Protein backbone atom coordinates (compact mmCIF):
# COMPACT_ATOMS: atom_id res chain seq x y z
CA UNK A 1 -5.92 60.39 -9.81
CA UNK A 2 -2.40 59.11 -9.52
CA UNK A 3 0.16 58.73 -6.77
CA UNK A 4 2.96 61.13 -7.59
CA UNK A 5 6.48 60.02 -6.77
CA UNK A 6 7.86 63.21 -8.33
CA UNK A 7 6.56 65.66 -5.78
CA UNK A 8 7.70 63.54 -2.81
CA UNK A 9 10.52 61.20 -3.90
CA UNK A 10 11.59 60.18 -0.38
CA UNK A 11 8.49 60.29 1.82
CA UNK A 12 9.00 59.73 5.51
CA UNK A 13 5.61 58.05 5.76
CA UNK A 14 5.36 54.85 3.68
CA UNK A 15 1.58 55.23 3.47
CA UNK A 16 -0.20 57.58 1.11
CA UNK A 17 -0.80 61.14 2.28
CA UNK A 18 -2.50 64.18 0.81
CA UNK A 19 0.84 65.49 -0.46
CA UNK A 20 1.33 62.25 -2.40
CA UNK A 21 -1.95 62.62 -4.32
CA UNK A 22 -2.20 64.94 -7.31
CA UNK A 23 -4.67 65.34 -10.14
CA UNK A 24 -3.48 64.21 -13.54
CA UNK A 25 -4.59 67.55 -14.94
CA UNK A 26 -1.91 69.26 -12.84
CA UNK A 27 0.90 67.19 -14.41
CA UNK A 28 2.89 68.33 -17.38
CA UNK A 29 3.21 66.12 -20.46
CA UNK A 30 6.79 65.25 -19.48
CA UNK A 31 5.68 64.24 -15.99
CA UNK A 32 2.82 62.15 -17.36
CA UNK A 33 5.21 60.31 -19.71
CA UNK A 34 7.53 59.54 -16.80
CA UNK A 35 4.78 58.15 -14.58
CA UNK A 36 5.11 54.51 -13.59
CA UNK A 37 2.49 52.29 -15.20
CA UNK A 38 1.24 49.42 -12.97
CA UNK A 39 2.69 46.13 -14.18
CA UNK A 40 1.19 43.59 -11.81
CA UNK A 41 -1.85 42.99 -9.65
CA UNK A 42 -0.29 44.48 -6.50
CA UNK A 43 0.54 47.77 -8.20
CA UNK A 44 -2.88 47.89 -9.84
CA UNK A 45 -4.62 47.33 -6.50
CA UNK A 46 -2.44 50.02 -4.91
CA UNK A 47 -3.54 52.56 -7.51
CA UNK A 48 -7.11 51.37 -7.06
CA UNK A 49 -6.99 52.01 -3.30
CA UNK A 50 -5.46 55.46 -3.81
CA UNK A 51 -8.17 56.40 -6.29
CA UNK A 52 -10.89 55.00 -4.04
CA UNK A 53 -9.64 57.02 -1.05
CA UNK A 54 -9.85 60.32 -2.96
CA UNK A 55 -13.10 59.78 -4.88
CA UNK A 56 -16.04 62.06 -4.33
CA UNK A 57 -19.54 60.68 -4.29
CA UNK A 58 -20.90 62.73 -7.19
CA UNK A 59 -17.97 62.61 -9.62
CA UNK A 60 -18.94 60.11 -12.32
CA UNK A 61 -15.67 60.51 -14.22
CA UNK A 62 -13.54 59.51 -11.26
CA UNK A 63 -15.77 56.53 -10.52
CA UNK A 64 -15.51 55.52 -14.16
CA UNK A 65 -11.71 55.57 -13.90
CA UNK A 66 -11.96 53.51 -10.73
CA UNK A 67 -14.06 50.94 -12.58
CA UNK A 68 -11.45 50.73 -15.34
CA UNK A 69 -8.70 50.07 -12.79
CA UNK A 70 -10.87 47.44 -11.10
CA UNK A 71 -11.53 45.73 -14.42
CA UNK A 72 -7.79 45.67 -15.14
CA UNK A 73 -7.12 44.03 -11.78
CA UNK A 74 -9.92 41.51 -12.32
CA UNK A 75 -8.66 40.64 -15.80
CA UNK A 76 -5.15 40.10 -14.41
CA UNK A 77 -6.47 37.75 -11.71
CA UNK A 78 -8.61 35.79 -14.18
CA UNK A 79 -5.67 35.45 -16.57
CA UNK A 80 -3.40 34.08 -13.85
CA UNK A 81 -6.09 31.64 -12.76
CA UNK A 82 -6.46 30.45 -16.34
CA UNK A 83 -2.70 30.01 -16.69
CA UNK A 84 -2.48 28.09 -13.43
CA UNK A 85 -5.31 25.77 -14.47
CA UNK A 86 -3.77 25.03 -17.87
CA UNK A 87 -1.73 21.87 -17.37
CA UNK A 88 -0.42 21.67 -20.91
CA UNK A 89 0.19 25.01 -22.64
CA UNK A 90 -1.46 25.59 -26.01
CA UNK A 91 1.50 27.55 -27.35
CA UNK A 92 5.26 27.41 -26.93
CA UNK A 93 7.20 24.45 -25.59
CA UNK A 94 5.20 21.94 -23.56
CA UNK A 95 6.35 21.22 -20.02
CA UNK A 96 5.95 17.50 -20.72
CA UNK A 97 6.71 15.76 -24.02
CA UNK A 98 6.09 12.35 -25.57
CA UNK A 99 9.20 10.79 -24.03
CA UNK A 100 8.19 11.87 -20.52
CA UNK A 101 4.71 10.41 -20.98
CA UNK A 102 6.10 7.13 -22.34
CA UNK A 103 8.64 6.91 -19.51
CA UNK A 104 5.94 7.55 -16.91
CA UNK A 105 3.57 4.86 -18.18
CA UNK A 106 6.45 2.43 -18.61
CA UNK A 107 7.47 2.89 -14.97
CA UNK A 108 3.86 2.47 -13.88
CA UNK A 109 3.54 -0.75 -15.89
CA UNK A 110 6.77 -2.14 -14.42
CA UNK A 111 5.70 -1.39 -10.84
CA UNK A 112 2.25 -2.88 -11.42
CA UNK A 113 3.80 -5.96 -13.01
CA UNK A 114 6.16 -6.47 -10.05
CA UNK A 115 3.32 -6.11 -7.56
CA UNK A 116 1.15 -8.57 -9.50
CA UNK A 117 4.02 -11.05 -9.77
CA UNK A 118 4.49 -10.93 -5.99
CA UNK A 119 0.79 -11.60 -5.47
CA UNK A 120 0.95 -14.44 -7.99
CA UNK A 121 3.92 -16.07 -6.21
CA UNK A 122 2.20 -15.69 -2.84
CA UNK A 123 -1.01 -17.29 -4.12
CA UNK A 124 0.96 -20.13 -5.74
CA UNK A 125 2.85 -20.83 -2.52
CA UNK A 126 -0.42 -20.72 -0.62
CA UNK A 127 -1.89 -23.41 -2.87
CA UNK A 128 1.19 -25.60 -2.33
CA UNK A 129 1.10 -25.24 1.46
CA UNK A 130 -2.62 -25.93 1.69
CA UNK A 131 -2.36 -28.97 -0.59
CA UNK A 132 0.35 -30.31 1.71
CA UNK A 133 -1.85 -29.72 4.76
CA UNK A 134 -4.78 -31.40 3.02
CA UNK A 135 -2.68 -34.49 2.27
CA UNK A 136 -1.56 -34.68 5.92
CA UNK A 137 -5.14 -34.23 7.13
CA UNK A 138 -6.39 -36.98 4.82
CA UNK A 139 -3.67 -39.34 6.05
CA UNK A 140 -4.56 -38.62 9.70
CA UNK A 141 -8.26 -39.12 9.01
CA UNK A 142 -7.69 -42.56 7.52
CA UNK A 143 -5.54 -43.58 10.48
CA UNK A 144 -8.18 -42.25 12.88
CA UNK A 145 -10.95 -44.20 11.14
CA UNK A 146 -8.90 -47.40 11.48
CA UNK A 147 -8.32 -46.72 15.18
CA UNK A 148 -12.00 -45.94 15.71
CA UNK A 149 -13.00 -49.26 14.13
CA UNK A 150 -10.60 -51.08 16.46
CA UNK A 151 -11.69 -48.98 19.44
CA UNK A 152 -8.12 -47.89 20.14
CA UNK A 153 -8.42 -44.15 19.43
CA UNK A 154 -6.50 -42.12 22.10
CA UNK A 155 -8.43 -39.37 23.88
CA UNK A 156 -6.08 -36.63 22.71
CA UNK A 157 -6.65 -37.49 19.04
CA UNK A 158 -9.29 -35.68 17.03
CA UNK A 159 -12.20 -37.83 15.78
CA UNK A 160 -12.55 -38.62 12.10
CA UNK A 161 -15.62 -36.35 11.78
CA UNK A 162 -13.57 -33.32 12.86
CA UNK A 163 -10.78 -34.22 10.46
CA UNK A 164 -13.30 -34.65 7.65
CA UNK A 165 -14.59 -31.10 8.32
CA UNK A 166 -11.00 -29.88 8.24
CA UNK A 167 -10.54 -31.56 4.86
CA UNK A 168 -13.64 -29.78 3.52
CA UNK A 169 -12.38 -26.43 4.81
CA UNK A 170 -8.92 -26.91 3.30
CA UNK A 171 -10.43 -27.98 -0.03
CA UNK A 172 -12.48 -24.78 -0.12
CA UNK A 173 -9.43 -22.64 0.71
CA UNK A 174 -7.39 -24.37 -2.00
CA UNK A 175 -10.10 -23.63 -4.55
CA UNK A 176 -10.13 -19.95 -3.57
CA UNK A 177 -6.33 -19.74 -3.80
CA UNK A 178 -6.36 -21.40 -7.23
CA UNK A 179 -8.90 -18.85 -8.44
CA UNK A 180 -6.58 -16.07 -7.27
CA UNK A 181 -3.68 -17.68 -9.10
CA UNK A 182 -5.70 -17.75 -12.32
CA UNK A 183 -6.75 -14.13 -11.78
CA UNK A 184 -3.18 -12.89 -11.27
CA UNK A 185 -1.95 -14.98 -14.18
CA UNK A 186 -4.52 -13.40 -16.49
CA UNK A 187 -3.62 -9.95 -15.18
CA UNK A 188 0.06 -10.55 -15.92
CA UNK A 189 -0.77 -11.68 -19.44
CA UNK A 190 -2.85 -8.53 -19.97
CA UNK A 191 0.01 -6.37 -18.72
CA UNK A 192 2.41 -8.16 -21.04
CA UNK A 193 0.16 -7.56 -24.05
CA UNK A 194 -0.20 -3.88 -23.09
CA UNK A 195 3.57 -3.50 -22.86
CA UNK A 196 3.97 -5.10 -26.29
CA UNK A 197 1.40 -2.69 -27.76
CA UNK A 198 3.08 0.34 -26.20
CA UNK A 199 6.53 -0.76 -27.35
CA UNK A 200 5.30 -1.01 -30.94
CA UNK A 201 3.96 2.55 -30.77
CA UNK A 202 7.18 4.08 -29.43
CA UNK A 203 9.82 5.12 -31.94
CA UNK A 204 13.39 3.96 -31.58
CA UNK A 205 12.63 1.34 -28.91
CA UNK A 206 13.14 -2.37 -29.55
CA UNK A 207 12.52 -5.20 -27.11
CA UNK A 208 14.59 -8.38 -27.22
CA UNK A 209 12.07 -11.17 -26.95
CA UNK A 210 8.44 -10.93 -25.97
CA UNK A 211 7.48 -10.05 -22.36
CA UNK A 212 4.50 -12.37 -22.68
CA UNK A 213 6.76 -15.30 -23.58
CA UNK A 214 9.03 -14.43 -20.65
CA UNK A 215 6.14 -14.45 -18.19
CA UNK A 216 4.76 -17.68 -19.68
CA UNK A 217 8.15 -19.37 -19.26
CA UNK A 218 8.27 -18.16 -15.66
CA UNK A 219 4.82 -19.66 -15.09
CA UNK A 220 5.92 -22.99 -16.56
CA UNK A 221 9.04 -23.14 -14.37
CA UNK A 222 7.06 -22.27 -11.24
CA UNK A 223 4.36 -24.83 -12.03
CA UNK A 224 7.02 -27.52 -12.53
CA UNK A 225 8.61 -26.62 -9.19
CA UNK A 226 5.23 -26.74 -7.47
CA UNK A 227 4.46 -30.12 -8.98
CA UNK A 228 7.83 -31.46 -7.83
CA UNK A 229 7.26 -30.12 -4.31
CA UNK A 230 3.76 -31.62 -4.24
CA UNK A 231 5.06 -34.99 -5.41
CA UNK A 232 7.80 -34.92 -2.78
CA UNK A 233 5.27 -34.08 -0.06
CA UNK A 234 3.05 -36.99 -1.03
């Protein structure tokens, strides 16, 4: 079965009719050679529906042809699914090359390094602020203890016991912040070592200086600034 476009080249009805359907045995060899061969899934399914609409129940040959058309359509669908699921082609030019991969991971490392540096600076500033608050709290506690011994403590002032609890709380918070600083510092050092390893594996790329040394120098400068601020606060 085949839909003949030769017998009705300009049909008024876009859908298939009886006049559009002819047996292949009624075609001449020239007409068979000029028939359009389905090229995609839509055309294959169209021929499948035409054949299915004209099949008789007891004709095994026609049903065999219908099965062949169905298998062709199924193979086309499976092939397209396989192509869509293949991220990197096994033949031809790849859609992503070594430079794209290196550029992607380099950008990811830079973004991660910036985010970690921001967290490190925040944790460092937090330690400085809490150390300053702890020093002020300790100074107030000593003054309060002296006033309590003399019996001259104003009613609006906190007692020394409350200030001592505040000192304990601030000490605990400072310890937690220092642990975060050490954690972020180690993470930055790991990122620096990873960047050095990747740069050695890439061809034609040279780094001026070591990223690890750069980060270490930044750490030293920040620690010196923090020490100076802490000394000024005291």
